[in-house]
């Protein structure tokens, strides 16, 4: 691999890493967490709450 190709890959990885950290910070600010399992649990809980709300309205 040429030196130019290596530098290109390193720059690409650096940009990807920066983008991932930026996304993580956005999740932290908006949701209070960036841990995927916690976000999934939050979404599942909200879905269950919404289903319960709809069920109580229909009853």
PDB file of N, CA and C in Angstrom:
ATOM      1  N   UNK A   1       0.855  -1.171   0.000  1.00  0.00           N
ATOM      2  CA  UNK A   1       0.000   0.000   0.000  1.00  0.00           C
ATOM      3  C   UNK A   1       0.898   1.230   0.000  1.00  0.00           C
ATOM      4  N   UNK A   2       0.497   2.201  -0.775  1.00  0.00           N
ATOM      5  CA  UNK A   2       1.314   3.403  -0.855  1.00  0.00           C
ATOM      6  C   UNK A   2       1.109   4.272   0.365  1.00  0.00           C
ATOM      7  N   UNK A   3       2.037   5.166   0.574  1.00  0.00           N
ATOM      8  CA  UNK A   3       1.967   6.096   1.703  1.00  0.00           C
ATOM      9  C   UNK A   3       0.728   6.982   1.605  1.00  0.00           C
ATOM     10  N   UNK A   4       0.377   7.421   0.375  1.00  0.00           N
ATOM     11  CA  UNK A   4      -0.801   8.265   0.184  1.00  0.00           C
ATOM     12  C   UNK A   4      -2.073   7.517   0.575  1.00  0.00           C
ATOM     13  N   UNK A   5      -2.169   6.243   0.215  1.00  0.00           N
ATOM     14  CA  UNK A   5      -3.348   5.443   0.554  1.00  0.00           C
ATOM     15  C   UNK A   5      -3.463   5.278   2.063  1.00  0.00           C
ATOM     16  N   UNK A   6      -2.350   5.070   2.740  1.00  0.00           N
ATOM     17  CA  UNK A   6      -2.358   4.920   4.198  1.00  0.00           C
ATOM     18  C   UNK A   6      -2.827   6.210   4.861  1.00  0.00           C
ATOM     19  N   UNK A   7      -2.329   7.346   4.399  1.00  0.00           N
ATOM     20  CA  UNK A   7      -2.747   8.627   4.952  1.00  0.00           C
ATOM     21  C   UNK A   7      -4.228   8.867   4.722  1.00  0.00           C
ATOM     22  N   UNK A   8      -4.730   8.470   3.545  1.00  0.00           N
ATOM     23  CA  UNK A   8      -6.145   8.627   3.225  1.00  0.00           C
ATOM     24  C   UNK A   8      -7.000   7.791   4.179  1.00  0.00           C
ATOM     25  N   UNK A   9      -6.600   6.543   4.411  1.00  0.00           N
ATOM     26  CA  UNK A   9      -7.347   5.668   5.311  1.00  0.00           C
ATOM     27  C   UNK A   9      -7.333   6.207   6.736  1.00  0.00           C
ATOM     28  N   UNK A  10      -6.184   6.708   7.183  1.00  0.00           N
ATOM     29  CA  UNK A  10      -6.097   7.261   8.529  1.00  0.00           C
ATOM     30  C   UNK A  10      -6.980   8.489   8.669  1.00  0.00           C
ATOM     31  N   UNK A  11      -7.012   9.328   7.655  1.00  0.00           N
ATOM     32  CA  UNK A  11      -7.869  10.512   7.692  1.00  0.00           C
ATOM     33  C   UNK A  11      -9.328  10.079   7.722  1.00  0.00           C
ATOM     34  N   UNK A  12      -9.679   9.073   6.942  1.00  0.00           N
ATOM     35  CA  UNK A  12     -11.048   8.571   6.922  1.00  0.00           C
ATOM     36  C   UNK A  12     -11.450   8.001   8.268  1.00  0.00           C
ATOM     37  N   UNK A  13     -10.583   7.242   8.888  1.00  0.00           N
ATOM     38  CA  UNK A  13     -10.878   6.667  10.197  1.00  0.00           C
ATOM     39  C   UNK A  13     -11.008   7.758  11.250  1.00  0.00           C
ATOM     40  N   UNK A  14     -10.169   8.770  11.162  1.00  0.00           N
ATOM     41  CA  UNK A  14     -10.216   9.880  12.106  1.00  0.00           C
ATOM     42  C   UNK A  14     -11.542  10.624  11.989  1.00  0.00           C
ATOM     43  N   UNK A  15     -11.993  10.855  10.762  1.00  0.00           N
ATOM     44  CA  UNK A  15     -13.269  11.535  10.536  1.00  0.00           C
ATOM     45  C   UNK A  15     -14.428  10.686  11.047  1.00  0.00           C
ATOM     46  N   UNK A  16     -14.362   9.386  10.814  1.00  0.00           N
ATOM     47  CA  UNK A  16     -15.410   8.485  11.297  1.00  0.00           C
ATOM     48  C   UNK A  16     -15.460   8.488  12.817  1.00  0.00           C
ATOM     49  N   UNK A  17     -14.316   8.447  13.445  1.00  0.00           N
ATOM     50  CA  UNK A  17     -14.247   8.460  14.907  1.00  0.00           C
ATOM     51  C   UNK A  17     -14.811   9.767  15.458  1.00  0.00           C
ATOM     52  N   UNK A  18     -14.463  10.868  14.832  1.00  0.00           N
ATOM     53  CA  UNK A  18     -14.995  12.167  15.259  1.00  0.00           C
ATOM     54  C   UNK A  18     -16.512  12.197  15.118  1.00  0.00           C
ATOM     55  N   UNK A  19     -17.036  11.670  14.021  1.00  0.00           N
ATOM     56  CA  UNK A  19     -18.480  11.635  13.796  1.00  0.00           C
ATOM     57  C   UNK A  19     -19.166  10.758  14.842  1.00  0.00           C
ATOM     58  N   UNK A  20     -18.570   9.638  15.188  1.00  0.00           N
ATOM     59  CA  UNK A  20     -19.149   8.750  16.199  1.00  0.00           C
ATOM     60  C   UNK A  20     -19.198   9.436  17.564  1.00  0.00           C
ATOM     61  N   UNK A  21     -18.129  10.128  17.931  1.00  0.00           N
ATOM     62  CA  UNK A  21     -18.116  10.845  19.209  1.00  0.00           C
ATOM     63  C   UNK A  21     -19.142  11.976  19.213  1.00  0.00           C
ATOM     64  N   UNK A  22     -19.304  12.637  18.085  1.00  0.00           N
ATOM     65  CA  UNK A  22     -20.298  13.704  17.996  1.00  0.00           C
ATOM     66  C   UNK A  22     -21.708  13.129  18.167  1.00  0.00           C
ATOM     67  N   UNK A  23     -21.986  11.985  17.526  1.00  0.00           N
ATOM     68  CA  UNK A  23     -23.287  11.338  17.673  1.00  0.00           C
ATOM     69  C   UNK A  23     -23.516  10.903  19.120  1.00  0.00           C
ATOM     70  N   UNK A  24     -22.471  10.400  19.755  1.00  0.00           N
ATOM     71  CA  UNK A  24     -22.566   9.980  21.152  1.00  0.00           C
ATOM     72  C   UNK A  24     -22.905  11.176  22.044  1.00  0.00           C
ATOM     73  N   UNK A  25     -22.284  12.313  21.809  1.00  0.00           N
ATOM     74  CA  UNK A  25     -22.559  13.513  22.587  1.00  0.00           C
ATOM     75  C   UNK A  25     -23.996  13.995  22.383  1.00  0.00           C
ATOM     76  N   UNK A  26     -24.491  13.902  21.166  1.00  0.00           N
ATOM     77  CA  UNK A  26     -25.876  14.293  20.875  1.00  0.00           C
ATOM     78  C   UNK A  26     -26.846  13.401  21.653  1.00  0.00           C
ATOM     79  N   UNK A  27     -26.595  12.104  21.653  1.00  0.00           N
ATOM     80  CA  UNK A  27     -27.441  11.178  22.404  1.00  0.00           C
ATOM     81  C   UNK A  27     -27.388  11.471  23.899  1.00  0.00           C
ATOM     82  N   UNK A  28     -26.201  11.744  24.414  1.00  0.00           N
ATOM     83  CA  UNK A  28     -26.046  12.060  25.837  1.00  0.00           C
ATOM     84  C   UNK A  28     -26.867  13.292  26.208  1.00  0.00           C
ATOM     85  N   UNK A  29     -26.782  14.327  25.386  1.00  0.00           N
ATOM     86  CA  UNK A  29     -27.510  15.572  25.687  1.00  0.00           C
ATOM     87  C   UNK A  29     -29.016  15.371  25.578  1.00  0.00           C
ATOM     88  N   UNK A  30     -29.461  14.671  24.556  1.00  0.00           N
ATOM     89  CA  UNK A  30     -30.892  14.532  24.309  1.00  0.00           C
ATOM     90  C   UNK A  30     -31.555  13.488  25.201  1.00  0.00           C
ATOM     91  N   UNK A  31     -30.868  12.388  25.475  1.00  0.00           N
ATOM     92  CA  UNK A  31     -31.483  11.271  26.186  1.00  0.00           C
ATOM     93  C   UNK A  31     -30.881  10.995  27.547  1.00  0.00           C
ATOM     94  N   UNK A  32     -29.752  11.600  27.833  1.00  0.00           N
ATOM     95  CA  UNK A  32     -29.083  11.349  29.101  1.00  0.00           C
ATOM     96  C   UNK A  32     -28.224  10.106  29.089  1.00  0.00           C
ATOM     97  N   UNK A  33     -28.139   9.451  27.954  1.00  0.00           N
ATOM     98  CA  UNK A  33     -27.301   8.261  27.809  1.00  0.00           C
ATOM     99  C   UNK A  33     -26.963   8.052  26.341  1.00  0.00           C
ATOM    100  N   UNK A  34     -25.873   7.358  26.109  1.00  0.00           N
ATOM    101  CA  UNK A  34     -25.516   6.965  24.743  1.00  0.00           C
ATOM    102  C   UNK A  34     -25.272   5.458  24.689  1.00  0.00           C
ATOM    103  N   UNK A  35     -25.676   4.768  25.768  1.00  0.00           N
ATOM    104  CA  UNK A  35     -25.500   3.318  25.841  1.00  0.00           C
ATOM    105  C   UNK A  35     -26.661   2.663  25.095  1.00  0.00           C
ATOM    106  N   UNK A  36     -26.364   1.904  24.034  1.00  0.00           N
ATOM    107  CA  UNK A  36     -27.430   1.332  23.194  1.00  0.00           C
ATOM    108  C   UNK A  36     -28.478   0.541  23.975  1.00  0.00           C
ATOM    109  N   UNK A  37     -28.063  -0.268  24.938  1.00  0.00           N
ATOM    110  CA  UNK A  37     -29.021  -1.072  25.695  1.00  0.00           C
ATOM    111  C   UNK A  37     -29.987  -0.197  26.489  1.00  0.00           C
ATOM    112  N   UNK A  38     -29.487   0.904  27.035  1.00  0.00           N
ATOM    113  CA  UNK A  38     -30.347   1.816  27.788  1.00  0.00           C
ATOM    114  C   UNK A  38     -31.332   2.532  26.869  1.00  0.00           C
ATOM    115  N   UNK A  39     -30.874   2.923  25.700  1.00  0.00           N
ATOM    116  CA  UNK A  39     -31.748   3.593  24.739  1.00  0.00           C
ATOM    117  C   UNK A  39     -32.838   2.630  24.271  1.00  0.00           C
ATOM    118  N   UNK A  40     -32.476   1.385  24.000  1.00  0.00           N
ATOM    119  CA  UNK A  40     -33.455   0.379  23.584  1.00  0.00           C
ATOM    120  C   UNK A  40     -34.472   0.142  24.697  1.00  0.00           C
ATOM    121  N   UNK A  41     -34.010   0.049  25.935  1.00  0.00           N
ATOM    122  CA  UNK A  41     -34.922  -0.151  27.063  1.00  0.00           C
ATOM    123  C   UNK A  41     -35.875   1.042  27.192  1.00  0.00           C
ATOM    124  N   UNK A  42     -35.368   2.248  26.994  1.00  0.00           N
ATOM    125  CA  UNK A  42     -36.219   3.438  27.047  1.00  0.00           C
ATOM    126  C   UNK A  42     -37.294   3.383  25.966  1.00  0.00           C
ATOM    127  N   UNK A  43     -36.897   3.016  24.764  1.00  0.00           N
ATOM    128  CA  UNK A  43     -37.845   2.939  23.653  1.00  0.00           C
ATOM    129  C   UNK A  43     -38.899   1.867  23.909  1.00  0.00           C
ATOM    130  N   UNK A  44     -38.480   0.713  24.410  1.00  0.00           N
ATOM    131  CA  UNK A  44     -39.428  -0.360  24.710  1.00  0.00           C
ATOM    132  C   UNK A  44     -40.408   0.087  25.791  1.00  0.00           C
ATOM    133  N   UNK A  45     -39.913   0.747  26.819  1.00  0.00           N
ATOM    134  CA  UNK A  45     -40.767   1.233  27.897  1.00  0.00           C
ATOM    135  C   UNK A  45     -41.776   2.250  27.375  1.00  0.00           C
ATOM    136  N   UNK A  46     -41.322   3.164  26.544  1.00  0.00           N
ATOM    137  CA  UNK A  46     -42.227   4.165  25.984  1.00  0.00           C
ATOM    138  C   UNK A  46     -43.285   3.510  25.102  1.00  0.00           C
ATOM    139  N   UNK A  47     -42.902   2.502  24.355  1.00  0.00           N
ATOM    140  CA  UNK A  47     -43.847   1.779  23.501  1.00  0.00           C
ATOM    141  C   UNK A  47     -44.910   1.081  24.347  1.00  0.00           C
ATOM    142  N   UNK A  48     -44.480   0.443  25.438  1.00  0.00           N
ATOM    143  CA  UNK A  48     -45.421  -0.229  26.339  1.00  0.00           C
ATOM    144  C   UNK A  48     -46.367   0.786  26.980  1.00  0.00           C
ATOM    145  N   UNK A  49     -45.835   1.934  27.384  1.00  0.00           N
ATOM    146  CA  UNK A  49     -46.667   2.967  27.991  1.00  0.00           C
ATOM    147  C   UNK A  49     -47.698   3.500  27.000  1.00  0.00           C
ATOM    148  N   UNK A  50     -47.281   3.678  25.771  1.00  0.00           N
ATOM    149  CA  UNK A  50     -48.185   4.167  24.743  1.00  0.00           C
ATOM    150  C   UNK A  50     -49.289   3.148  24.458  1.00  0.00           C
ATOM    151  N   UNK A  51     -48.915   1.874  24.405  1.00  0.00           N
ATOM    152  CA  UNK A  51     -49.922   0.821  24.194  1.00  0.00           C
ATOM    153  C   UNK A  51     -50.927   0.792  25.343  1.00  0.00           C
ATOM    154  N   UNK A  52     -50.436   0.927  26.576  1.00  0.00           N
ATOM    155  CA  UNK A  52     -51.314   0.951  27.731  1.00  0.00           C
ATOM    156  C   UNK A  52     -52.240   2.170  27.682  1.00  0.00           C
ATOM    157  N   UNK A  53     -51.719   3.308  27.261  1.00  0.00           N
ATOM    158  CA  UNK A  53     -52.535   4.514  27.145  1.00  0.00           C
ATOM    159  C   UNK A  53     -53.649   4.306  26.123  1.00  0.00           C
ATOM    160  N   UNK A  54     -53.299   3.773  24.954  1.00  0.00           N
ATOM    161  CA  UNK A  54     -54.305   3.521  23.921  1.00  0.00           C
ATOM    162  C   UNK A  54     -55.344   2.516  24.413  1.00  0.00           C
ATOM    163  N   UNK A  55     -54.917   1.500  25.135  1.00  0.00           N
ATOM    164  CA  UNK A  55     -55.842   0.499  25.665  1.00  0.00           C
ATOM    165  C   UNK A  55     -56.810   1.132  26.656  1.00  0.00           C
ATOM    166  N   UNK A  56     -56.302   2.053  27.497  1.00  0.00           N
ATOM    167  CA  UNK A  56     -57.168   2.690  28.482  1.00  0.00           C
ATOM    168  C   UNK A  56     -58.152   3.661  27.816  1.00  0.00           C
ATOM    169  N   UNK A  57     -57.777   4.244  26.722  1.00  0.00           N
ATOM    170  CA  UNK A  57     -58.678   5.164  25.993  1.00  0.00           C
ATOM    171  C   UNK A  57     -59.792   4.366  25.316  1.00  0.00           C
ATOM    172  N   UNK A  58     -59.469   3.196  24.784  1.00  0.00           N
ATOM    173  CA  UNK A  58     -60.435   2.360  24.083  1.00  0.00           C
ATOM    174  C   UNK A  58     -61.413   1.698  25.031  1.00  0.00           C
ATOM    175  N   UNK A  59     -61.015   1.533  26.294  1.00  0.00           N
ATOM    176  CA  UNK A  59     -61.857   0.807  27.261  1.00  0.00           C
ATOM    177  C   UNK A  59     -63.016   1.632  27.756  1.00  0.00           C
TER     178      UNK A  59
END
